[in-house]
């Protein structure tokens, strides 16, 4: 099962295997406080796509399309899918303020969509 959580929210051990899915390390968070099991910076949107999106809600659908295209050529997606299969709970950790429209939400939907097409 995949969950998402903002890195600035309080950590709980029940979150399972925590994967930071950001290209840049979140400001003001120490490695100890983050409780990150794996940092997959190469699965995050490209710098160009992240800057273009700029967390503008009206760009959300186009962002998801572009991010999906980026991931189609990214070998990290296979590694991430394996992690999801290996662990009962995987939490995609992100730093954006917008809890509805961020790359972790998009990534969760993309990974779950891939799995539903394979099953």
PDB file of N, CA and C in Angstrom:
ATOM      1  N   UNK A   1       0.837  -1.166   0.000  1.00  0.00           N
ATOM      2  CA  UNK A   1       0.000   0.000   0.000  1.00  0.00           C
ATOM      3  C   UNK A   1       0.892   1.243   0.000  1.00  0.00           C
ATOM      4  N   UNK A   2       0.526   2.225  -0.817  1.00  0.00           N
ATOM      5  CA  UNK A   2       1.297   3.459  -0.927  1.00  0.00           C
ATOM      6  C   UNK A   2       0.561   4.574  -0.188  1.00  0.00           C
ATOM      7  N   UNK A   3       1.318   5.303   0.604  1.00  0.00           N
ATOM      8  CA  UNK A   3       0.807   6.481   1.298  1.00  0.00           C
ATOM      9  C   UNK A   3       1.673   7.667   0.912  1.00  0.00           C
ATOM     10  N   UNK A   4       1.185   8.860   1.178  1.00  0.00           N
ATOM     11  CA  UNK A   4       2.001  10.052   0.961  1.00  0.00           C
ATOM     12  C   UNK A   4       1.958  10.896   2.227  1.00  0.00           C
ATOM     13  N   UNK A   5       3.071  11.596   2.472  1.00  0.00           N
ATOM     14  CA  UNK A   5       3.136  12.430   3.669  1.00  0.00           C
ATOM     15  C   UNK A   5       4.126  13.562   3.451  1.00  0.00           C
ATOM     16  N   UNK A   6       3.770  14.711   3.957  1.00  0.00           N
ATOM     17  CA  UNK A   6       4.653  15.871   3.890  1.00  0.00           C
ATOM     18  C   UNK A   6       5.763  15.704   4.925  1.00  0.00           C
ATOM     19  N   UNK A   7       6.977  15.975   4.535  1.00  0.00           N
ATOM     20  CA  UNK A   7       8.126  15.750   5.416  1.00  0.00           C
ATOM     21  C   UNK A   7       8.086  16.619   6.666  1.00  0.00           C
ATOM     22  N   UNK A   8       7.385  17.740   6.607  1.00  0.00           N
ATOM     23  CA  UNK A   8       7.311  18.649   7.749  1.00  0.00           C
ATOM     24  C   UNK A   8       6.262  18.209   8.773  1.00  0.00           C
ATOM     25  N   UNK A   9       5.454  17.204   8.431  1.00  0.00           N
ATOM     26  CA  UNK A   9       4.479  16.660   9.373  1.00  0.00           C
ATOM     27  C   UNK A   9       5.181  15.673  10.303  1.00  0.00           C
ATOM     28  N   UNK A  10       4.607  15.484  11.474  1.00  0.00           N
ATOM     29  CA  UNK A  10       5.232  14.623  12.486  1.00  0.00           C
ATOM     30  C   UNK A  10       5.371  13.180  11.991  1.00  0.00           C
ATOM     31  N   UNK A  11       6.561  12.631  12.172  1.00  0.00           N
ATOM     32  CA  UNK A  11       6.861  11.245  11.802  1.00  0.00           C
ATOM     33  C   UNK A  11       6.238  10.275  12.802  1.00  0.00           C
ATOM     34  N   UNK A  12       5.724   9.164  12.277  1.00  0.00           N
ATOM     35  CA  UNK A  12       5.289   8.057  13.130  1.00  0.00           C
ATOM     36  C   UNK A  12       5.846   6.758  12.542  1.00  0.00           C
ATOM     37  N   UNK A  13       6.265   5.821  13.383  1.00  0.00           N
ATOM     38  CA  UNK A  13       6.848   4.561  12.891  1.00  0.00           C
ATOM     39  C   UNK A  13       5.883   3.730  12.041  1.00  0.00           C
ATOM     40  N   UNK A  14       4.585   3.970  12.168  1.00  0.00           N
ATOM     41  CA  UNK A  14       3.585   3.207  11.411  1.00  0.00           C
ATOM     42  C   UNK A  14       3.595   3.523   9.918  1.00  0.00           C
ATOM     43  N   UNK A  15       4.396   4.479   9.503  1.00  0.00           N
ATOM     44  CA  UNK A  15       4.425   4.887   8.095  1.00  0.00           C
ATOM     45  C   UNK A  15       5.136   3.885   7.198  1.00  0.00           C
ATOM     46  N   UNK A  16       5.772   2.906   7.774  1.00  0.00           N
ATOM     47  CA  UNK A  16       6.439   1.898   6.966  1.00  0.00           C
ATOM     48  C   UNK A  16       7.727   2.412   6.350  1.00  0.00           C
ATOM     49  N   UNK A  17       8.028   1.927   5.153  1.00  0.00           N
ATOM     50  CA  UNK A  17       9.254   2.278   4.432  1.00  0.00           C
ATOM     51  C   UNK A  17       9.063   3.658   3.802  1.00  0.00           C
ATOM     52  N   UNK A  18       9.888   4.617   4.220  1.00  0.00           N
ATOM     53  CA  UNK A  18       9.725   6.008   3.763  1.00  0.00           C
ATOM     54  C   UNK A  18      10.705   6.330   2.638  1.00  0.00           C
ATOM     55  N   UNK A  19      10.142   6.808   1.531  1.00  0.00           N
ATOM     56  CA  UNK A  19      10.937   7.156   0.356  1.00  0.00           C
ATOM     57  C   UNK A  19      10.768   8.643   0.063  1.00  0.00           C
ATOM     58  N   UNK A  20      11.854   9.383   0.121  1.00  0.00           N
ATOM     59  CA  UNK A  20      11.819  10.791  -0.261  1.00  0.00           C
ATOM     60  C   UNK A  20      11.818  10.851  -1.778  1.00  0.00           C
ATOM     61  N   UNK A  21      10.787  11.460  -2.348  1.00  0.00           N
ATOM     62  CA  UNK A  21      10.632  11.499  -3.806  1.00  0.00           C
ATOM     63  C   UNK A  21      10.793  12.933  -4.324  1.00  0.00           C
ATOM     64  N   UNK A  22      11.778  13.617  -3.791  1.00  0.00           N
ATOM     65  CA  UNK A  22      12.103  14.993  -4.172  1.00  0.00           C
ATOM     66  C   UNK A  22      13.514  15.029  -4.737  1.00  0.00           C
ATOM     67  N   UNK A  23      13.730  15.892  -5.703  1.00  0.00           N
ATOM     68  CA  UNK A  23      15.065  16.042  -6.289  1.00  0.00           C
ATOM     69  C   UNK A  23      16.011  16.775  -5.323  1.00  0.00           C
ATOM     70  N   UNK A  24      15.462  17.713  -4.558  1.00  0.00           N
ATOM     71  CA  UNK A  24      16.257  18.506  -3.621  1.00  0.00           C
ATOM     72  C   UNK A  24      15.908  18.114  -2.188  1.00  0.00           C
ATOM     73  N   UNK A  25      16.911  18.101  -1.319  1.00  0.00           N
ATOM     74  CA  UNK A  25      16.644  17.795   0.090  1.00  0.00           C
ATOM     75  C   UNK A  25      15.829  18.946   0.691  1.00  0.00           C
ATOM     76  N   UNK A  26      14.783  18.638   1.444  1.00  0.00           N
ATOM     77  CA  UNK A  26      13.913  19.677   2.017  1.00  0.00           C
ATOM     78  C   UNK A  26      14.659  20.602   2.983  1.00  0.00           C
ATOM     79  N   UNK A  27      14.365  21.877   2.873  1.00  0.00           N
ATOM     80  CA  UNK A  27      15.004  22.880   3.726  1.00  0.00           C
ATOM     81  C   UNK A  27      14.626  22.687   5.185  1.00  0.00           C
ATOM     82  N   UNK A  28      15.617  22.867   6.035  1.00  0.00           N
ATOM     83  CA  UNK A  28      15.374  22.870   7.463  1.00  0.00           C
ATOM     84  C   UNK A  28      15.133  21.507   8.090  1.00  0.00           C
ATOM     85  N   UNK A  29      15.334  20.439   7.339  1.00  0.00           N
ATOM     86  CA  UNK A  29      15.110  19.088   7.861  1.00  0.00           C
ATOM     87  C   UNK A  29      16.443  18.345   7.900  1.00  0.00           C
ATOM     88  N   UNK A  30      16.818  17.888   9.083  1.00  0.00           N
ATOM     89  CA  UNK A  30      18.049  17.101   9.196  1.00  0.00           C
ATOM     90  C   UNK A  30      17.771  15.672   8.738  1.00  0.00           C
ATOM     91  N   UNK A  31      18.811  14.971   8.394  1.00  0.00           N
ATOM     92  CA  UNK A  31      18.660  13.577   7.967  1.00  0.00           C
ATOM     93  C   UNK A  31      18.067  12.733   9.102  1.00  0.00           C
ATOM     94  N   UNK A  32      18.452  13.017  10.342  1.00  0.00           N
ATOM     95  CA  UNK A  32      17.927  12.267  11.487  1.00  0.00           C
ATOM     96  C   UNK A  32      16.430  12.516  11.675  1.00  0.00           C
ATOM     97  N   UNK A  33      16.025  13.761  11.572  1.00  0.00           N
ATOM     98  CA  UNK A  33      14.622  14.122  11.783  1.00  0.00           C
ATOM     99  C   UNK A  33      13.730  13.618  10.643  1.00  0.00           C
ATOM    100  N   UNK A  34      14.305  13.435   9.482  1.00  0.00           N
ATOM    101  CA  UNK A  34      13.524  13.050   8.302  1.00  0.00           C
ATOM    102  C   UNK A  34      13.038  11.606   8.345  1.00  0.00           C
ATOM    103  N   UNK A  35      13.801  10.728   8.984  1.00  0.00           N
ATOM    104  CA  UNK A  35      13.449   9.302   9.047  1.00  0.00           C
ATOM    105  C   UNK A  35      13.200   8.730   7.644  1.00  0.00           C
ATOM    106  N   UNK A  36      14.122   9.001   6.734  1.00  0.00           N
ATOM    107  CA  UNK A  36      14.001   8.541   5.353  1.00  0.00           C
ATOM    108  C   UNK A  36      14.789   7.242   5.189  1.00  0.00           C
ATOM    109  N   UNK A  37      14.138   6.231   4.622  1.00  0.00           N
ATOM    110  CA  UNK A  37      14.815   4.959   4.353  1.00  0.00           C
ATOM    111  C   UNK A  37      15.553   4.988   3.024  1.00  0.00           C
ATOM    112  N   UNK A  38      15.024   5.749   2.064  1.00  0.00           N
ATOM    113  CA  UNK A  38      15.629   5.821   0.736  1.00  0.00           C
ATOM    114  C   UNK A  38      15.279   7.159   0.101  1.00  0.00           C
ATOM    115  N   UNK A  39      16.273   7.788  -0.498  1.00  0.00           N
ATOM    116  CA  UNK A  39      16.049   9.042  -1.219  1.00  0.00           C
ATOM    117  C   UNK A  39      16.160   8.738  -2.703  1.00  0.00           C
ATOM    118  N   UNK A  40      15.042   8.821  -3.414  1.00  0.00           N
ATOM    119  CA  UNK A  40      15.020   8.544  -4.854  1.00  0.00           C
ATOM    120  C   UNK A  40      14.883   9.858  -5.619  1.00  0.00           C
ATOM    121  N   UNK A  41      15.953  10.640  -5.631  1.00  0.00           N
ATOM    122  CA  UNK A  41      15.885  11.952  -6.271  1.00  0.00           C
ATOM    123  C   UNK A  41      15.691  11.856  -7.778  1.00  0.00           C
ATOM    124  N   UNK A  42      16.136  10.756  -8.385  1.00  0.00           N
ATOM    125  CA  UNK A  42      16.013  10.633  -9.839  1.00  0.00           C
ATOM    126  C   UNK A  42      14.616  10.247 -10.297  1.00  0.00           C
ATOM    127  N   UNK A  43      13.715   9.959  -9.358  1.00  0.00           N
ATOM    128  CA  UNK A  43      12.330   9.671  -9.736  1.00  0.00           C
ATOM    129  C   UNK A  43      11.483  10.944  -9.694  1.00  0.00           C
ATOM    130  N   UNK A  44      12.029  11.988  -9.115  1.00  0.00           N
ATOM    131  CA  UNK A  44      11.324  13.270  -9.029  1.00  0.00           C
ATOM    132  C   UNK A  44      11.232  13.911 -10.413  1.00  0.00           C
ATOM    133  N   UNK A  45      10.283  14.823 -10.588  1.00  0.00           N
ATOM    134  CA  UNK A  45      10.201  15.529 -11.872  1.00  0.00           C
ATOM    135  C   UNK A  45      11.508  16.264 -12.172  1.00  0.00           C
ATOM    136  N   UNK A  46      11.788  16.425 -13.444  1.00  0.00           N
ATOM    137  CA  UNK A  46      12.985  17.165 -13.842  1.00  0.00           C
ATOM    138  C   UNK A  46      12.902  18.594 -13.296  1.00  0.00           C
ATOM    139  N   UNK A  47      14.050  19.222 -13.183  1.00  0.00           N
ATOM    140  CA  UNK A  47      14.093  20.609 -12.710  1.00  0.00           C
ATOM    141  C   UNK A  47      13.240  21.498 -13.604  1.00  0.00           C
ATOM    142  N   UNK A  48      13.306  21.271 -14.908  1.00  0.00           N
ATOM    143  CA  UNK A  48      12.535  22.083 -15.845  1.00  0.00           C
ATOM    144  C   UNK A  48      11.033  21.922 -15.611  1.00  0.00           C
ATOM    145  N   UNK A  49      10.585  20.681 -15.446  1.00  0.00           N
ATOM    146  CA  UNK A  49       9.160  20.435 -15.224  1.00  0.00           C
ATOM    147  C   UNK A  49       8.721  21.000 -13.879  1.00  0.00           C
ATOM    148  N   UNK A  50       9.525  20.823 -12.859  1.00  0.00           N
ATOM    149  CA  UNK A  50       9.187  21.347 -11.526  1.00  0.00           C
ATOM    150  C   UNK A  50       9.041  22.864 -11.555  1.00  0.00           C
ATOM    151  N   UNK A  51       9.977  23.535 -12.223  1.00  0.00           N
ATOM    152  CA  UNK A  51       9.910  24.999 -12.312  1.00  0.00           C
ATOM    153  C   UNK A  51       8.712  25.445 -13.142  1.00  0.00           C
ATOM    154  N   UNK A  52       8.433  24.730 -14.240  1.00  0.00           N
ATOM    155  CA  UNK A  52       7.283  25.081 -15.077  1.00  0.00           C
ATOM    156  C   UNK A  52       5.986  24.957 -14.278  1.00  0.00           C
ATOM    157  N   UNK A  53       5.814  23.860 -13.568  1.00  0.00           N
ATOM    158  CA  UNK A  53       4.588  23.618 -12.796  1.00  0.00           C
ATOM    159  C   UNK A  53       4.419  24.654 -11.690  1.00  0.00           C
ATOM    160  N   UNK A  54       5.460  24.885 -10.914  1.00  0.00           N
ATOM    161  CA  UNK A  54       5.459  25.900  -9.869  1.00  0.00           C
ATOM    162  C   UNK A  54       4.261  25.776  -8.920  1.00  0.00           C
ATOM    163  N   UNK A  55       3.724  24.567  -8.769  1.00  0.00           N
ATOM    164  CA  UNK A  55       2.584  24.276  -7.891  1.00  0.00           C
ATOM    165  C   UNK A  55       1.366  25.144  -8.196  1.00  0.00           C
ATOM    166  N   UNK A  56       1.165  25.433  -9.484  1.00  0.00           N
ATOM    167  CA  UNK A  56      -0.012  26.184  -9.923  1.00  0.00           C
ATOM    168  C   UNK A  56      -1.106  25.179 -10.261  1.00  0.00           C
ATOM    169  N   UNK A  57      -2.189  25.229  -9.500  1.00  0.00           N
ATOM    170  CA  UNK A  57      -3.263  24.241  -9.635  1.00  0.00           C
ATOM    171  C   UNK A  57      -3.788  24.108 -11.062  1.00  0.00           C
ATOM    172  N   UNK A  58      -3.856  25.201 -11.786  1.00  0.00           N
ATOM    173  CA  UNK A  58      -4.401  25.150 -13.146  1.00  0.00           C
ATOM    174  C   UNK A  58      -3.496  24.376 -14.114  1.00  0.00           C
ATOM    175  N   UNK A  59      -2.266  24.137 -13.735  1.00  0.00           N
ATOM    176  CA  UNK A  59      -1.335  23.368 -14.568  1.00  0.00           C
ATOM    177  C   UNK A  59      -1.289  21.890 -14.176  1.00  0.00           C
ATOM    178  N   UNK A  60      -2.069  21.476 -13.186  1.00  0.00           N
ATOM    179  CA  UNK A  60      -1.979  20.132 -12.619  1.00  0.00           C
ATOM    180  C   UNK A  60      -2.113  19.023 -13.658  1.00  0.00           C
ATOM    181  N   UNK A  61      -3.176  19.045 -14.445  1.00  0.00           N
ATOM    182  CA  UNK A  61      -3.402  17.952 -15.407  1.00  0.00           C
ATOM    183  C   UNK A  61      -2.263  17.846 -16.411  1.00  0.00           C
ATOM    184  N   UNK A  62      -1.795  18.970 -16.900  1.00  0.00           N
ATOM    185  CA  UNK A  62      -0.684  18.954 -17.852  1.00  0.00           C
ATOM    186  C   UNK A  62       0.607  18.501 -17.170  1.00  0.00           C
ATOM    187  N   UNK A  63       0.800  18.897 -15.927  1.00  0.00           N
ATOM    188  CA  UNK A  63       1.965  18.445 -15.159  1.00  0.00           C
ATOM    189  C   UNK A  63       1.974  16.925 -15.052  1.00  0.00           C
ATOM    190  N   UNK A  64       0.829  16.336 -14.705  1.00  0.00           N
ATOM    191  CA  UNK A  64       0.745  14.879 -14.556  1.00  0.00           C
ATOM    192  C   UNK A  64       1.071  14.195 -15.881  1.00  0.00           C
ATOM    193  N   UNK A  65       0.557  14.721 -16.987  1.00  0.00           N
ATOM    194  CA  UNK A  65       0.858  14.145 -18.309  1.00  0.00           C
ATOM    195  C   UNK A  65       2.358  14.196 -18.596  1.00  0.00           C
ATOM    196  N   UNK A  66       2.951  15.360 -18.377  1.00  0.00           N
ATOM    197  CA  UNK A  66       4.382  15.522 -18.656  1.00  0.00           C
ATOM    198  C   UNK A  66       5.245  14.659 -17.726  1.00  0.00           C
ATOM    199  N   UNK A  67       4.846  14.575 -16.476  1.00  0.00           N
ATOM    200  CA  UNK A  67       5.589  13.761 -15.505  1.00  0.00           C
ATOM    201  C   UNK A  67       5.490  12.281 -15.866  1.00  0.00           C
ATOM    202  N   UNK A  68       4.325  11.851 -16.300  1.00  0.00           N
ATOM    203  CA  UNK A  68       4.137  10.461 -16.729  1.00  0.00           C
ATOM    204  C   UNK A  68       5.064  10.140 -17.900  1.00  0.00           C
ATOM    205  N   UNK A  69       5.176  11.059 -18.834  1.00  0.00           N
ATOM    206  CA  UNK A  69       6.072  10.870 -19.981  1.00  0.00           C
ATOM    207  C   UNK A  69       7.522  10.775 -19.506  1.00  0.00           C
ATOM    208  N   UNK A  70       7.914  11.658 -18.592  1.00  0.00           N
ATOM    209  CA  UNK A  70       9.277  11.589 -18.049  1.00  0.00           C
ATOM    210  C   UNK A  70       9.545  10.234 -17.395  1.00  0.00           C
ATOM    211  N   UNK A  71       8.587   9.747 -16.647  1.00  0.00           N
ATOM    212  CA  UNK A  71       8.776   8.482 -15.935  1.00  0.00           C
ATOM    213  C   UNK A  71       8.815   7.277 -16.863  1.00  0.00           C
ATOM    214  N   UNK A  72       8.207   7.394 -18.032  1.00  0.00           N
ATOM    215  CA  UNK A  72       8.177   6.250 -18.949  1.00  0.00           C
ATOM    216  C   UNK A  72       9.582   5.848 -19.396  1.00  0.00           C
ATOM    217  N   UNK A  73      10.510   6.771 -19.366  1.00  0.00           N
ATOM    218  CA  UNK A  73      11.884   6.452 -19.736  1.00  0.00           C
ATOM    219  C   UNK A  73      12.825   6.365 -18.546  1.00  0.00           C
ATOM    220  N   UNK A  74      12.270   6.262 -17.347  1.00  0.00           N
ATOM    221  CA  UNK A  74      13.073   6.297 -16.128  1.00  0.00           C
ATOM    222  C   UNK A  74      13.145   4.906 -15.498  1.00  0.00           C
ATOM    223  N   UNK A  75      14.340   4.353 -15.413  1.00  0.00           N
ATOM    224  CA  UNK A  75      14.498   3.004 -14.847  1.00  0.00           C
ATOM    225  C   UNK A  75      14.180   2.957 -13.349  1.00  0.00           C
ATOM    226  N   UNK A  76      14.171   4.098 -12.684  1.00  0.00           N
ATOM    227  CA  UNK A  76      13.868   4.139 -11.251  1.00  0.00           C
ATOM    228  C   UNK A  76      12.428   3.709 -10.961  1.00  0.00           C
ATOM    229  N   UNK A  77      11.536   3.858 -11.924  1.00  0.00           N
ATOM    230  CA  UNK A  77      10.135   3.481 -11.694  1.00  0.00           C
ATOM    231  C   UNK A  77      10.031   1.981 -11.414  1.00  0.00           C
ATOM    232  N   UNK A  78      10.832   1.182 -12.090  1.00  0.00           N
ATOM    233  CA  UNK A  78      10.846  -0.261 -11.835  1.00  0.00           C
ATOM    234  C   UNK A  78      11.333  -0.579 -10.434  1.00  0.00           C
ATOM    235  N   UNK A  79      12.369   0.139  -9.995  1.00  0.00           N
ATOM    236  CA  UNK A  79      12.887  -0.052  -8.635  1.00  0.00           C
ATOM    237  C   UNK A  79      11.835   0.339  -7.601  1.00  0.00           C
ATOM    238  N   UNK A  80      11.127   1.419  -7.875  1.00  0.00           N
ATOM    239  CA  UNK A  80      10.094   1.873  -6.946  1.00  0.00           C
ATOM    240  C   UNK A  80       8.949   0.874  -6.871  1.00  0.00           C
ATOM    241  N   UNK A  81       8.549   0.332  -8.002  1.00  0.00           N
ATOM    242  CA  UNK A  81       7.483  -0.679  -8.012  1.00  0.00           C
ATOM    243  C   UNK A  81       7.898  -1.914  -7.212  1.00  0.00           C
ATOM    244  N   UNK A  82       9.164  -2.304  -7.303  1.00  0.00           N
ATOM    245  CA  UNK A  82       9.664  -3.440  -6.523  1.00  0.00           C
ATOM    246  C   UNK A  82       9.608  -3.149  -5.022  1.00  0.00           C
ATOM    247  N   UNK A  83       9.973  -1.936  -4.642  1.00  0.00           N
ATOM    248  CA  UNK A  83       9.902  -1.553  -3.226  1.00  0.00           C
ATOM    249  C   UNK A  83       8.474  -1.648  -2.700  1.00  0.00           C
ATOM    250  N   UNK A  84       7.537  -1.212  -3.519  1.00  0.00           N
ATOM    251  CA  UNK A  84       6.126  -1.256  -3.122  1.00  0.00           C
ATOM    252  C   UNK A  84       5.677  -2.703  -2.931  1.00  0.00           C
ATOM    253  N   UNK A  85       6.175  -3.601  -3.773  1.00  0.00           N
ATOM    254  CA  UNK A  85       5.826  -5.020  -3.634  1.00  0.00           C
ATOM    255  C   UNK A  85       6.485  -5.645  -2.401  1.00  0.00           C
ATOM    256  N   UNK A  86       7.704  -5.206  -2.077  1.00  0.00           N
ATOM    257  CA  UNK A  86       8.472  -5.779  -0.965  1.00  0.00           C
ATOM    258  C   UNK A  86       7.958  -5.371   0.411  1.00  0.00           C
ATOM    259  N   UNK A  87       7.392  -4.180   0.510  1.00  0.00           N
ATOM    260  CA  UNK A  87       7.004  -3.631   1.809  1.00  0.00           C
ATOM    261  C   UNK A  87       5.486  -3.509   1.923  1.00  0.00           C
ATOM    262  N   UNK A  88       4.968  -3.812   3.109  1.00  0.00           N
ATOM    263  CA  UNK A  88       3.533  -3.705   3.352  1.00  0.00           C
ATOM    264  C   UNK A  88       3.059  -2.268   3.197  1.00  0.00           C
ATOM    265  N   UNK A  89       3.843  -1.336   3.728  1.00  0.00           N
ATOM    266  CA  UNK A  89       3.526   0.090   3.648  1.00  0.00           C
ATOM    267  C   UNK A  89       4.731   0.828   3.098  1.00  0.00           C
ATOM    268  N   UNK A  90       4.489   1.654   2.084  1.00  0.00           N
ATOM    269  CA  UNK A  90       5.516   2.547   1.561  1.00  0.00           C
ATOM    270  C   UNK A  90       4.923   3.948   1.584  1.00  0.00           C
ATOM    271  N   UNK A  91       5.669   4.882   2.149  1.00  0.00           N
ATOM    272  CA  UNK A  91       5.210   6.266   2.200  1.00  0.00           C
ATOM    273  C   UNK A  91       6.110   7.111   1.320  1.00  0.00           C
ATOM    274  N   UNK A  92       5.486   7.767   0.321  1.00  0.00           N
ATOM    275  CA  UNK A  92       6.208   8.717  -0.516  1.00  0.00           C
ATOM    276  C   UNK A  92       6.230  10.038   0.249  1.00  0.00           C
ATOM    277  N   UNK A  93       7.409  10.511   0.563  1.00  0.00           N
ATOM    278  CA  UNK A  93       7.571  11.727   1.354  1.00  0.00           C
ATOM    279  C   UNK A  93       7.922  12.879   0.417  1.00  0.00           C
ATOM    280  N   UNK A  94       7.246  14.013   0.620  1.00  0.00           N
ATOM    281  CA  UNK A  94       7.427  15.187  -0.234  1.00  0.00           C
ATOM    282  C   UNK A  94       7.534  16.430   0.642  1.00  0.00           C
ATOM    283  N   UNK A  95       7.879  17.566   0.037  1.00  0.00           N
ATOM    284  CA  UNK A  95       8.034  18.792   0.824  1.00  0.00           C
ATOM    285  C   UNK A  95       7.090  19.916   0.411  1.00  0.00           C
ATOM    286  N   UNK A  96       6.373  19.782  -0.664  1.00  0.00           N
ATOM    287  CA  UNK A  96       5.505  20.858  -1.161  1.00  0.00           C
ATOM    288  C   UNK A  96       4.435  21.240  -0.144  1.00  0.00           C
ATOM    289  N   UNK A  97       4.009  22.487  -0.192  1.00  0.00           N
ATOM    290  CA  UNK A  97       2.937  22.949   0.700  1.00  0.00           C
ATOM    291  C   UNK A  97       1.575  22.443   0.245  1.00  0.00           C
ATOM    292  N   UNK A  98       1.408  22.330  -1.060  1.00  0.00           N
ATOM    293  CA  UNK A  98       0.122  21.915  -1.619  1.00  0.00           C
ATOM    294  C   UNK A  98      -0.029  20.404  -1.444  1.00  0.00           C
ATOM    295  N   UNK A  99      -0.975  19.991  -0.602  1.00  0.00           N
ATOM    296  CA  UNK A  99      -1.119  18.564  -0.302  1.00  0.00           C
ATOM    297  C   UNK A  99      -1.904  17.806  -1.367  1.00  0.00           C
ATOM    298  N   UNK A 100      -2.620  18.508  -2.230  1.00  0.00           N
ATOM    299  CA  UNK A 100      -3.422  17.853  -3.270  1.00  0.00           C
ATOM    300  C   UNK A 100      -2.715  17.771  -4.611  1.00  0.00           C
ATOM    301  N   UNK A 101      -1.919  18.768  -4.926  1.00  0.00           N
ATOM    302  CA  UNK A 101      -1.264  18.842  -6.231  1.00  0.00           C
ATOM    303  C   UNK A 101       0.246  18.949  -6.049  1.00  0.00           C
ATOM    304  N   UNK A 102       0.886  17.788  -5.924  1.00  0.00           N
ATOM    305  CA  UNK A 102       2.342  17.751  -5.809  1.00  0.00           C
ATOM    306  C   UNK A 102       2.849  16.479  -6.485  1.00  0.00           C
ATOM    307  N   UNK A 103       4.141  16.397  -6.671  1.00  0.00           N
ATOM    308  CA  UNK A 103       4.703  15.271  -7.422  1.00  0.00           C
ATOM    309  C   UNK A 103       4.497  13.924  -6.730  1.00  0.00           C
ATOM    310  N   UNK A 104       4.425  13.893  -5.406  1.00  0.00           N
ATOM    311  CA  UNK A 104       4.193  12.620  -4.703  1.00  0.00           C
ATOM    312  C   UNK A 104       2.792  12.087  -4.989  1.00  0.00           C
ATOM    313  N   UNK A 105       1.811  12.970  -5.039  1.00  0.00           N
ATOM    314  CA  UNK A 105       0.439  12.567  -5.376  1.00  0.00           C
ATOM    315  C   UNK A 105       0.416  12.001  -6.793  1.00  0.00           C
ATOM    316  N   UNK A 106       1.054  12.721  -7.715  1.00  0.00           N
ATOM    317  CA  UNK A 106       1.102  12.260  -9.106  1.00  0.00           C
ATOM    318  C   UNK A 106       1.819  10.916  -9.202  1.00  0.00           C
ATOM    319  N   UNK A 107       2.942  10.785  -8.525  1.00  0.00           N
ATOM    320  CA  UNK A 107       3.723   9.547  -8.569  1.00  0.00           C
ATOM    321  C   UNK A 107       2.927   8.372  -8.010  1.00  0.00           C
ATOM    322  N   UNK A 108       2.240   8.570  -6.915  1.00  0.00           N
ATOM    323  CA  UNK A 108       1.406   7.513  -6.327  1.00  0.00           C
ATOM    324  C   UNK A 108       0.363   7.048  -7.336  1.00  0.00           C
ATOM    325  N   UNK A 109      -0.319   7.998  -7.968  1.00  0.00           N
ATOM    326  CA  UNK A 109      -1.342   7.651  -8.959  1.00  0.00           C
ATOM    327  C   UNK A 109      -0.740   6.926 -10.158  1.00  0.00           C
ATOM    328  N   UNK A 110       0.424   7.362 -10.595  1.00  0.00           N
ATOM    329  CA  UNK A 110       1.089   6.734 -11.739  1.00  0.00           C
ATOM    330  C   UNK A 110       1.490   5.297 -11.397  1.00  0.00           C
ATOM    331  N   UNK A 111       2.118   5.096 -10.245  1.00  0.00           N
ATOM    332  CA  UNK A 111       2.553   3.750  -9.838  1.00  0.00           C
ATOM    333  C   UNK A 111       1.347   2.830  -9.674  1.00  0.00           C
ATOM    334  N   UNK A 112       0.296   3.308  -9.040  1.00  0.00           N
ATOM    335  CA  UNK A 112      -0.908   2.487  -8.861  1.00  0.00           C
ATOM    336  C   UNK A 112      -1.574   2.186 -10.198  1.00  0.00           C
ATOM    337  N   UNK A 113      -1.531   3.120 -11.123  1.00  0.00           N
ATOM    338  CA  UNK A 113      -2.093   2.907 -12.457  1.00  0.00           C
ATOM    339  C   UNK A 113      -1.303   1.846 -13.216  1.00  0.00           C
ATOM    340  N   UNK A 114       0.012   1.898 -13.112  1.00  0.00           N
ATOM    341  CA  UNK A 114       0.866   0.895 -13.764  1.00  0.00           C
ATOM    342  C   UNK A 114       0.546  -0.482 -13.202  1.00  0.00           C
ATOM    343  N   UNK A 115       0.453  -0.585 -11.880  1.00  0.00           N
ATOM    344  CA  UNK A 115       0.162  -1.868 -11.239  1.00  0.00           C
ATOM    345  C   UNK A 115      -1.196  -2.409 -11.646  1.00  0.00           C
ATOM    346  N   UNK A 116      -2.193  -1.546 -11.794  1.00  0.00           N
ATOM    347  CA  UNK A 116      -3.525  -2.027 -12.164  1.00  0.00           C
ATOM    348  C   UNK A 116      -3.552  -2.522 -13.610  1.00  0.00           C
ATOM    349  N   UNK A 117      -2.697  -1.968 -14.466  1.00  0.00           N
ATOM    350  CA  UNK A 117      -2.626  -2.435 -15.852  1.00  0.00           C
ATOM    351  C   UNK A 117      -1.878  -3.760 -15.966  1.00  0.00           C
ATOM    352  N   UNK A 118      -0.974  -4.016 -15.016  1.00  0.00           N
ATOM    353  CA  UNK A 118      -0.189  -5.250 -15.036  1.00  0.00           C
ATOM    354  C   UNK A 118      -0.979  -6.402 -14.434  1.00  0.00           C
ATOM    355  N   UNK A 119      -1.735  -6.111 -13.368  1.00  0.00           N
ATOM    356  CA  UNK A 119      -2.473  -7.162 -12.642  1.00  0.00           C
ATOM    357  C   UNK A 119      -3.555  -7.790 -13.476  1.00  0.00           C
TER     358      UNK A 119
END
